[in-house]
Amino acid sequence: MIRAKKTTELDFIIDKLTNSIENVVTGDNFATNVLRISKHDLQNISKEKGWKFDWKSEITPSNDVYKLVIEQNVNIIQGLISISVKSDHIFMNLLENAPFNAGKTKIYQGIAGNLVAYACKLAFLYGFDGYVGFIAKTKLISL
């Protein structure tokens, strides 16, 4: 387990950093892709289906929403991230594991790490030297 701490206000845990996502029971690794979310995806992403955040409201002209999927199974969303491109950094508005990848009974680990790494990659592609910002929202949801 890796604990990242930059200031006294920032203290979070990434369960495991991998080049892929890992099945927590078998240890098998699965290569992933990050893709833009589609309108078709929205029907499976709701609070009724176990998601904590309202992802439909994240789709705005100033936000980009991406999904993490296993390369061999692009129809099942493993996690989501909403980002905004600012003048000097990428801002992560929201990040969430799929309901089946959260808590003690999660199926895969490494979801958040992959999505944060993607945000960092975008920050390099936009010429921001990898700078990414976010505000932790853990206290806004009941875990």
N, C-alpha and C. Protein backbone atom coordinates (compact mmCIF):
# COMPACT_ATOMS: atom_id res chain seq x y z
N MET A 1 0.84 -1.16 0.00
CA MET A 1 0.00 0.00 0.00
C MET A 1 0.90 1.24 0.00
N ILE A 2 0.54 2.22 -0.80
CA ILE A 2 1.32 3.44 -0.90
C ILE A 2 0.52 4.59 -0.31
N ARG A 3 1.13 5.33 0.58
CA ARG A 3 0.48 6.50 1.15
C ARG A 3 1.19 7.72 0.59
N ALA A 4 0.40 8.58 -0.02
CA ALA A 4 0.95 9.82 -0.58
C ALA A 4 0.56 10.97 0.32
N LYS A 5 1.54 11.77 0.69
CA LYS A 5 1.25 12.92 1.53
C LYS A 5 2.11 14.08 1.07
N LYS A 6 1.46 15.10 0.53
CA LYS A 6 2.20 16.26 0.04
C LYS A 6 2.16 17.40 1.04
N THR A 7 1.02 17.62 1.66
CA THR A 7 0.89 18.65 2.68
C THR A 7 0.08 18.06 3.82
N THR A 8 -0.11 18.80 4.88
CA THR A 8 -0.91 18.30 5.98
C THR A 8 -2.37 18.16 5.60
N GLU A 9 -2.79 18.82 4.51
CA GLU A 9 -4.17 18.73 4.05
C GLU A 9 -4.40 17.56 3.12
N LEU A 10 -3.37 17.01 2.51
CA LEU A 10 -3.51 15.95 1.53
C LEU A 10 -2.95 14.66 2.10
N ASP A 11 -3.81 13.67 2.26
CA ASP A 11 -3.40 12.39 2.80
C ASP A 11 -4.32 11.33 2.20
N PHE A 12 -3.81 10.54 1.23
CA PHE A 12 -4.66 9.54 0.61
C PHE A 12 -3.87 8.26 0.38
N ILE A 13 -4.61 7.18 0.14
CA ILE A 13 -4.00 5.88 -0.07
C ILE A 13 -4.38 5.37 -1.45
N ILE A 14 -3.41 4.96 -2.22
CA ILE A 14 -3.64 4.22 -3.46
C ILE A 14 -3.36 2.77 -3.14
N ASP A 15 -4.36 1.90 -3.33
CA ASP A 15 -4.23 0.52 -2.87
C ASP A 15 -3.03 -0.20 -3.45
N LYS A 16 -2.75 0.01 -4.73
CA LYS A 16 -1.60 -0.63 -5.35
C LYS A 16 -1.35 0.02 -6.70
N LEU A 17 -0.10 0.29 -7.04
CA LEU A 17 0.24 0.82 -8.35
C LEU A 17 0.63 -0.34 -9.25
N THR A 18 -0.03 -0.47 -10.38
CA THR A 18 0.25 -1.56 -11.32
C THR A 18 0.22 -0.99 -12.73
N ASN A 19 0.70 -1.77 -13.67
CA ASN A 19 0.61 -1.40 -15.08
C ASN A 19 -0.74 -1.78 -15.66
N SER A 20 -1.57 -2.37 -14.85
CA SER A 20 -2.87 -2.86 -15.26
C SER A 20 -3.73 -2.90 -14.01
N ILE A 21 -4.90 -3.54 -14.09
CA ILE A 21 -5.64 -3.77 -12.86
C ILE A 21 -5.46 -5.24 -12.49
N GLU A 22 -5.61 -5.50 -11.21
CA GLU A 22 -5.30 -6.84 -10.70
C GLU A 22 -6.50 -7.41 -9.96
N ASN A 23 -6.84 -8.66 -10.28
CA ASN A 23 -7.89 -9.36 -9.56
C ASN A 23 -7.40 -9.63 -8.15
N VAL A 24 -8.14 -9.18 -7.14
CA VAL A 24 -7.66 -9.28 -5.77
C VAL A 24 -7.62 -10.72 -5.26
N VAL A 25 -8.39 -11.62 -5.85
CA VAL A 25 -8.40 -13.02 -5.39
C VAL A 25 -7.32 -13.83 -6.08
N THR A 26 -7.24 -13.73 -7.41
CA THR A 26 -6.32 -14.58 -8.17
C THR A 26 -4.96 -13.95 -8.39
N GLY A 27 -4.89 -12.61 -8.33
CA GLY A 27 -3.64 -11.92 -8.63
C GLY A 27 -3.41 -11.74 -10.12
N ASP A 28 -4.34 -12.19 -10.96
CA ASP A 28 -4.21 -12.02 -12.40
C ASP A 28 -4.29 -10.55 -12.77
N ASN A 29 -3.47 -10.15 -13.74
CA ASN A 29 -3.45 -8.77 -14.23
C ASN A 29 -4.16 -8.67 -15.56
N PHE A 30 -4.85 -7.55 -15.76
CA PHE A 30 -5.59 -7.32 -16.99
C PHE A 30 -5.23 -5.94 -17.54
N ALA A 31 -4.78 -5.91 -18.78
CA ALA A 31 -4.43 -4.66 -19.44
C ALA A 31 -5.69 -3.81 -19.59
N THR A 32 -5.52 -2.49 -19.45
CA THR A 32 -6.67 -1.59 -19.47
C THR A 32 -6.53 -0.51 -20.54
N ASN A 33 -7.65 0.11 -20.84
CA ASN A 33 -7.71 1.29 -21.71
C ASN A 33 -8.53 2.35 -21.00
N VAL A 34 -8.22 3.59 -21.29
CA VAL A 34 -9.04 4.71 -20.82
C VAL A 34 -9.69 5.31 -22.05
N LEU A 35 -11.02 5.37 -22.01
CA LEU A 35 -11.81 5.84 -23.15
C LEU A 35 -12.79 6.90 -22.70
N ARG A 36 -13.16 7.79 -23.61
CA ARG A 36 -14.22 8.75 -23.30
C ARG A 36 -15.52 8.00 -23.07
N ILE A 37 -16.27 8.49 -22.10
CA ILE A 37 -17.56 7.88 -21.81
C ILE A 37 -18.53 8.19 -22.96
N SER A 38 -19.42 7.25 -23.24
CA SER A 38 -20.41 7.45 -24.31
C SER A 38 -21.81 7.62 -23.72
N LYS A 39 -22.72 8.09 -24.54
CA LYS A 39 -24.11 8.21 -24.09
C LYS A 39 -24.67 6.85 -23.70
N HIS A 40 -24.28 5.81 -24.40
CA HIS A 40 -24.72 4.46 -24.09
C HIS A 40 -24.28 4.03 -22.68
N ASP A 41 -23.07 4.46 -22.28
CA ASP A 41 -22.56 4.11 -20.94
C ASP A 41 -23.41 4.69 -19.83
N LEU A 42 -24.02 5.83 -20.07
CA LEU A 42 -24.75 6.54 -19.01
C LEU A 42 -25.90 5.74 -18.41
N GLN A 43 -26.48 4.84 -19.18
CA GLN A 43 -27.60 4.07 -18.65
C GLN A 43 -27.17 3.09 -17.56
N ASN A 44 -25.89 2.78 -17.47
CA ASN A 44 -25.38 1.85 -16.45
C ASN A 44 -24.66 2.55 -15.31
N ILE A 45 -24.64 3.89 -15.34
CA ILE A 45 -23.92 4.65 -14.32
C ILE A 45 -24.92 5.54 -13.59
N SER A 46 -25.38 5.08 -12.45
CA SER A 46 -26.34 5.87 -11.68
C SER A 46 -26.24 5.48 -10.21
N LYS A 47 -26.80 6.31 -9.37
CA LYS A 47 -26.82 6.00 -7.94
C LYS A 47 -27.65 4.74 -7.69
N GLU A 48 -28.67 4.51 -8.51
CA GLU A 48 -29.48 3.30 -8.39
C GLU A 48 -28.67 2.04 -8.66
N LYS A 49 -27.62 2.18 -9.44
CA LYS A 49 -26.75 1.04 -9.77
C LYS A 49 -25.54 0.98 -8.85
N GLY A 50 -25.52 1.82 -7.79
CA GLY A 50 -24.46 1.74 -6.80
C GLY A 50 -23.36 2.78 -6.90
N TRP A 51 -23.39 3.62 -7.90
CA TRP A 51 -22.38 4.67 -8.02
C TRP A 51 -22.66 5.75 -6.99
N LYS A 52 -21.63 6.33 -6.42
CA LYS A 52 -21.78 7.33 -5.36
C LYS A 52 -22.05 8.74 -5.89
N PHE A 53 -21.52 9.04 -7.09
CA PHE A 53 -21.64 10.39 -7.63
C PHE A 53 -22.60 10.42 -8.82
N ASP A 54 -23.10 11.60 -9.13
CA ASP A 54 -23.99 11.81 -10.27
C ASP A 54 -23.13 12.11 -11.50
N TRP A 55 -22.79 11.07 -12.23
CA TRP A 55 -21.88 11.21 -13.36
C TRP A 55 -22.52 11.91 -14.55
N LYS A 56 -23.82 11.82 -14.68
CA LYS A 56 -24.49 12.51 -15.79
C LYS A 56 -24.27 14.02 -15.69
N SER A 57 -24.24 14.53 -14.46
CA SER A 57 -24.04 15.98 -14.29
C SER A 57 -22.59 16.40 -14.55
N GLU A 58 -21.69 15.45 -14.64
CA GLU A 58 -20.28 15.76 -14.93
C GLU A 58 -20.03 16.01 -16.42
N ILE A 59 -20.96 15.61 -17.24
CA ILE A 59 -20.78 15.78 -18.67
C ILE A 59 -21.24 17.19 -19.04
N THR A 60 -20.26 18.06 -19.14
CA THR A 60 -20.49 19.47 -19.46
C THR A 60 -19.46 19.91 -20.50
N PRO A 61 -19.65 21.07 -21.10
CA PRO A 61 -18.65 21.55 -22.06
C PRO A 61 -17.25 21.74 -21.47
N SER A 62 -17.17 21.98 -20.16
CA SER A 62 -15.84 22.21 -19.56
C SER A 62 -15.24 20.96 -18.92
N ASN A 63 -15.96 19.85 -18.89
CA ASN A 63 -15.46 18.61 -18.30
C ASN A 63 -15.35 17.52 -19.35
N ASP A 64 -14.37 16.66 -19.17
CA ASP A 64 -14.24 15.44 -19.97
C ASP A 64 -14.36 14.26 -19.00
N VAL A 65 -15.20 13.29 -19.33
CA VAL A 65 -15.38 12.12 -18.48
C VAL A 65 -14.84 10.90 -19.22
N TYR A 66 -13.97 10.15 -18.52
CA TYR A 66 -13.34 8.97 -19.08
C TYR A 66 -13.66 7.75 -18.24
N LYS A 67 -13.67 6.59 -18.90
CA LYS A 67 -13.91 5.33 -18.23
C LYS A 67 -12.67 4.45 -18.37
N LEU A 68 -12.41 3.67 -17.32
CA LEU A 68 -11.34 2.68 -17.36
C LEU A 68 -12.00 1.33 -17.64
N VAL A 69 -11.52 0.64 -18.67
CA VAL A 69 -12.06 -0.66 -19.03
C VAL A 69 -10.91 -1.65 -19.23
N ILE A 70 -11.22 -2.91 -19.10
CA ILE A 70 -10.27 -3.96 -19.45
C ILE A 70 -10.25 -4.07 -20.97
N GLU A 71 -9.05 -4.17 -21.56
CA GLU A 71 -8.92 -4.21 -23.02
C GLU A 71 -9.82 -5.26 -23.66
N GLN A 72 -9.93 -6.42 -23.03
CA GLN A 72 -10.70 -7.51 -23.61
C GLN A 72 -12.19 -7.46 -23.26
N ASN A 73 -12.60 -6.44 -22.47
CA ASN A 73 -14.00 -6.32 -22.09
C ASN A 73 -14.35 -4.84 -21.91
N VAL A 74 -14.51 -4.15 -23.01
CA VAL A 74 -14.72 -2.70 -22.97
C VAL A 74 -16.14 -2.31 -22.56
N ASN A 75 -17.01 -3.27 -22.40
CA ASN A 75 -18.39 -2.97 -22.02
C ASN A 75 -18.61 -2.83 -20.52
N ILE A 76 -17.64 -3.25 -19.72
CA ILE A 76 -17.77 -3.14 -18.27
C ILE A 76 -16.83 -2.05 -17.77
N ILE A 77 -17.42 -1.03 -17.17
CA ILE A 77 -16.65 0.11 -16.66
C ILE A 77 -16.09 -0.24 -15.28
N GLN A 78 -14.78 -0.12 -15.14
CA GLN A 78 -14.09 -0.42 -13.89
C GLN A 78 -14.00 0.80 -12.98
N GLY A 79 -14.00 1.99 -13.58
CA GLY A 79 -13.91 3.23 -12.83
C GLY A 79 -14.08 4.41 -13.76
N LEU A 80 -14.32 5.58 -13.17
CA LEU A 80 -14.56 6.80 -13.94
C LEU A 80 -13.75 7.96 -13.39
N ILE A 81 -13.41 8.88 -14.28
CA ILE A 81 -12.74 10.11 -13.87
C ILE A 81 -13.30 11.26 -14.71
N SER A 82 -13.53 12.38 -14.05
CA SER A 82 -13.94 13.62 -14.71
C SER A 82 -12.80 14.61 -14.54
N ILE A 83 -12.37 15.20 -15.66
CA ILE A 83 -11.28 16.17 -15.60
C ILE A 83 -11.67 17.46 -16.31
N SER A 84 -10.99 18.52 -15.94
CA SER A 84 -11.09 19.80 -16.63
C SER A 84 -9.68 20.26 -16.96
N VAL A 85 -9.53 20.81 -18.15
CA VAL A 85 -8.23 21.36 -18.55
C VAL A 85 -8.21 22.83 -18.13
N LYS A 86 -7.31 23.15 -17.22
CA LYS A 86 -7.14 24.53 -16.75
C LYS A 86 -6.00 25.18 -17.53
N SER A 87 -5.65 26.39 -17.17
CA SER A 87 -4.61 27.12 -17.91
C SER A 87 -3.21 26.54 -17.69
N ASP A 88 -3.00 25.89 -16.54
CA ASP A 88 -1.65 25.38 -16.24
C ASP A 88 -1.64 23.99 -15.61
N HIS A 89 -2.78 23.31 -15.58
CA HIS A 89 -2.83 21.96 -15.00
C HIS A 89 -4.12 21.27 -15.40
N ILE A 90 -4.16 19.98 -15.14
CA ILE A 90 -5.39 19.19 -15.27
C ILE A 90 -6.02 19.13 -13.89
N PHE A 91 -7.32 19.40 -13.82
CA PHE A 91 -8.03 19.31 -12.54
C PHE A 91 -8.93 18.09 -12.57
N MET A 92 -8.77 17.23 -11.56
CA MET A 92 -9.62 16.05 -11.43
C MET A 92 -10.85 16.44 -10.62
N ASN A 93 -12.00 16.53 -11.29
CA ASN A 93 -13.24 16.89 -10.62
C ASN A 93 -13.76 15.75 -9.76
N LEU A 94 -13.81 14.57 -10.33
CA LEU A 94 -14.29 13.38 -9.63
C LEU A 94 -13.52 12.16 -10.11
N LEU A 95 -13.40 11.19 -9.22
CA LEU A 95 -12.81 9.91 -9.54
C LEU A 95 -13.55 8.88 -8.71
N GLU A 96 -13.97 7.78 -9.33
CA GLU A 96 -14.71 6.77 -8.58
C GLU A 96 -14.48 5.39 -9.16
N ASN A 97 -14.26 4.42 -8.26
CA ASN A 97 -14.23 3.02 -8.66
C ASN A 97 -15.65 2.57 -8.93
N ALA A 98 -15.83 1.62 -9.83
CA ALA A 98 -17.14 1.00 -10.01
C ALA A 98 -17.56 0.39 -8.68
N PRO A 99 -18.86 0.29 -8.42
CA PRO A 99 -19.32 -0.25 -7.12
C PRO A 99 -18.72 -1.61 -6.78
N PHE A 100 -18.50 -2.46 -7.77
CA PHE A 100 -17.93 -3.79 -7.50
C PHE A 100 -16.42 -3.76 -7.28
N ASN A 101 -15.81 -2.59 -7.42
CA ASN A 101 -14.37 -2.42 -7.16
C ASN A 101 -14.11 -1.56 -5.94
N ALA A 102 -15.09 -1.46 -5.05
CA ALA A 102 -14.95 -0.63 -3.85
C ALA A 102 -15.11 -1.49 -2.60
N GLY A 103 -14.43 -1.08 -1.55
CA GLY A 103 -14.59 -1.75 -0.26
C GLY A 103 -13.84 -3.07 -0.15
N LYS A 104 -14.15 -3.80 0.88
CA LYS A 104 -13.45 -5.05 1.19
C LYS A 104 -13.75 -6.18 0.20
N THR A 105 -14.86 -6.08 -0.51
CA THR A 105 -15.23 -7.15 -1.46
C THR A 105 -14.91 -6.79 -2.90
N LYS A 106 -14.06 -5.79 -3.13
CA LYS A 106 -13.76 -5.38 -4.50
C LYS A 106 -13.17 -6.52 -5.32
N ILE A 107 -13.42 -6.47 -6.61
CA ILE A 107 -12.91 -7.50 -7.52
C ILE A 107 -11.51 -7.15 -8.02
N TYR A 108 -11.32 -5.89 -8.41
CA TYR A 108 -10.03 -5.44 -8.95
C TYR A 108 -9.46 -4.31 -8.11
N GLN A 109 -8.14 -4.27 -8.06
CA GLN A 109 -7.45 -3.14 -7.44
C GLN A 109 -6.56 -2.48 -8.49
N GLY A 110 -6.23 -1.21 -8.22
CA GLY A 110 -5.41 -0.45 -9.14
C GLY A 110 -6.22 0.48 -10.02
N ILE A 111 -7.53 0.55 -9.79
CA ILE A 111 -8.40 1.41 -10.61
C ILE A 111 -8.01 2.87 -10.45
N ALA A 112 -8.01 3.36 -9.20
CA ALA A 112 -7.69 4.77 -8.95
C ALA A 112 -6.30 5.12 -9.46
N GLY A 113 -5.34 4.25 -9.23
CA GLY A 113 -3.97 4.49 -9.69
C GLY A 113 -3.90 4.66 -11.20
N ASN A 114 -4.62 3.82 -11.94
CA ASN A 114 -4.65 3.92 -13.40
C ASN A 114 -5.29 5.23 -13.85
N LEU A 115 -6.39 5.62 -13.21
CA LEU A 115 -7.07 6.85 -13.61
C LEU A 115 -6.26 8.10 -13.27
N VAL A 116 -5.62 8.11 -12.12
CA VAL A 116 -4.76 9.25 -11.76
C VAL A 116 -3.56 9.30 -12.72
N ALA A 117 -3.00 8.16 -13.05
CA ALA A 117 -1.89 8.12 -14.00
C ALA A 117 -2.32 8.68 -15.36
N TYR A 118 -3.54 8.39 -15.77
CA TYR A 118 -4.04 8.92 -17.03
C TYR A 118 -4.16 10.44 -16.97
N ALA A 119 -4.65 10.96 -15.85
CA ALA A 119 -4.75 12.41 -15.68
C ALA A 119 -3.35 13.04 -15.76
N CYS A 120 -2.36 12.39 -15.15
CA CYS A 120 -0.98 12.88 -15.21
C CYS A 120 -0.45 12.85 -16.65
N LYS A 121 -0.77 11.77 -17.37
CA LYS A 121 -0.35 11.66 -18.77
C LYS A 121 -0.93 12.82 -19.58
N LEU A 122 -2.22 13.11 -19.38
CA LEU A 122 -2.83 14.24 -20.07
C LEU A 122 -2.13 15.55 -19.71
N ALA A 123 -1.76 15.69 -18.44
CA ALA A 123 -1.09 16.90 -17.99
C ALA A 123 0.27 17.07 -18.68
N PHE A 124 0.92 15.98 -19.02
CA PHE A 124 2.16 16.08 -19.80
C PHE A 124 1.84 16.40 -21.26
N LEU A 125 0.82 15.75 -21.81
CA LEU A 125 0.45 16.00 -23.21
C LEU A 125 0.03 17.44 -23.45
N TYR A 126 -0.61 18.05 -22.47
CA TYR A 126 -1.02 19.45 -22.59
C TYR A 126 0.11 20.43 -22.28
N GLY A 127 1.27 19.92 -21.92
CA GLY A 127 2.41 20.79 -21.64
C GLY A 127 2.44 21.36 -20.24
N PHE A 128 1.76 20.69 -19.29
CA PHE A 128 1.69 21.18 -17.92
C PHE A 128 2.70 20.50 -17.00
N ASP A 129 3.69 19.83 -17.55
CA ASP A 129 4.73 19.14 -16.78
C ASP A 129 4.15 18.14 -15.78
N GLY A 130 3.00 17.58 -16.08
CA GLY A 130 2.40 16.56 -15.23
C GLY A 130 1.58 17.09 -14.07
N TYR A 131 1.38 18.38 -13.98
CA TYR A 131 0.65 18.94 -12.83
C TYR A 131 -0.83 18.60 -12.89
N VAL A 132 -1.30 18.02 -11.79
CA VAL A 132 -2.70 17.62 -11.63
C VAL A 132 -3.17 18.12 -10.27
N GLY A 133 -4.38 18.65 -10.23
CA GLY A 133 -4.94 19.11 -8.96
C GLY A 133 -6.28 18.44 -8.70
N PHE A 134 -6.65 18.37 -7.42
CA PHE A 134 -7.96 17.85 -7.05
C PHE A 134 -8.29 18.25 -5.63
N ILE A 135 -9.55 18.14 -5.29
CA ILE A 135 -10.01 18.34 -3.91
C ILE A 135 -10.63 17.03 -3.46
N ALA A 136 -10.10 16.43 -2.41
CA ALA A 136 -10.62 15.15 -1.91
C ALA A 136 -12.09 15.30 -1.51
N LYS A 137 -12.91 14.33 -1.93
CA LYS A 137 -14.34 14.40 -1.64
C LYS A 137 -14.81 13.24 -0.77
N THR A 138 -13.92 12.53 -0.14
CA THR A 138 -14.27 11.39 0.67
C THR A 138 -15.32 11.72 1.71
N LYS A 139 -15.26 12.88 2.31
CA LYS A 139 -16.21 13.26 3.36
C LYS A 139 -17.59 13.57 2.81
N LEU A 140 -17.71 13.72 1.50
CA LEU A 140 -19.01 14.04 0.90
C LEU A 140 -19.88 12.81 0.68
N ILE A 141 -19.27 11.62 0.69
CA ILE A 141 -20.04 10.41 0.45
C ILE A 141 -19.99 9.51 1.66
N SER A 142 -21.03 8.71 1.83
CA SER A 142 -21.01 7.74 2.92
C SER A 142 -20.36 6.47 2.41
N LEU A 143 -19.32 6.03 3.07
CA LEU A 143 -18.57 4.88 2.61
C LEU A 143 -19.09 3.61 3.15
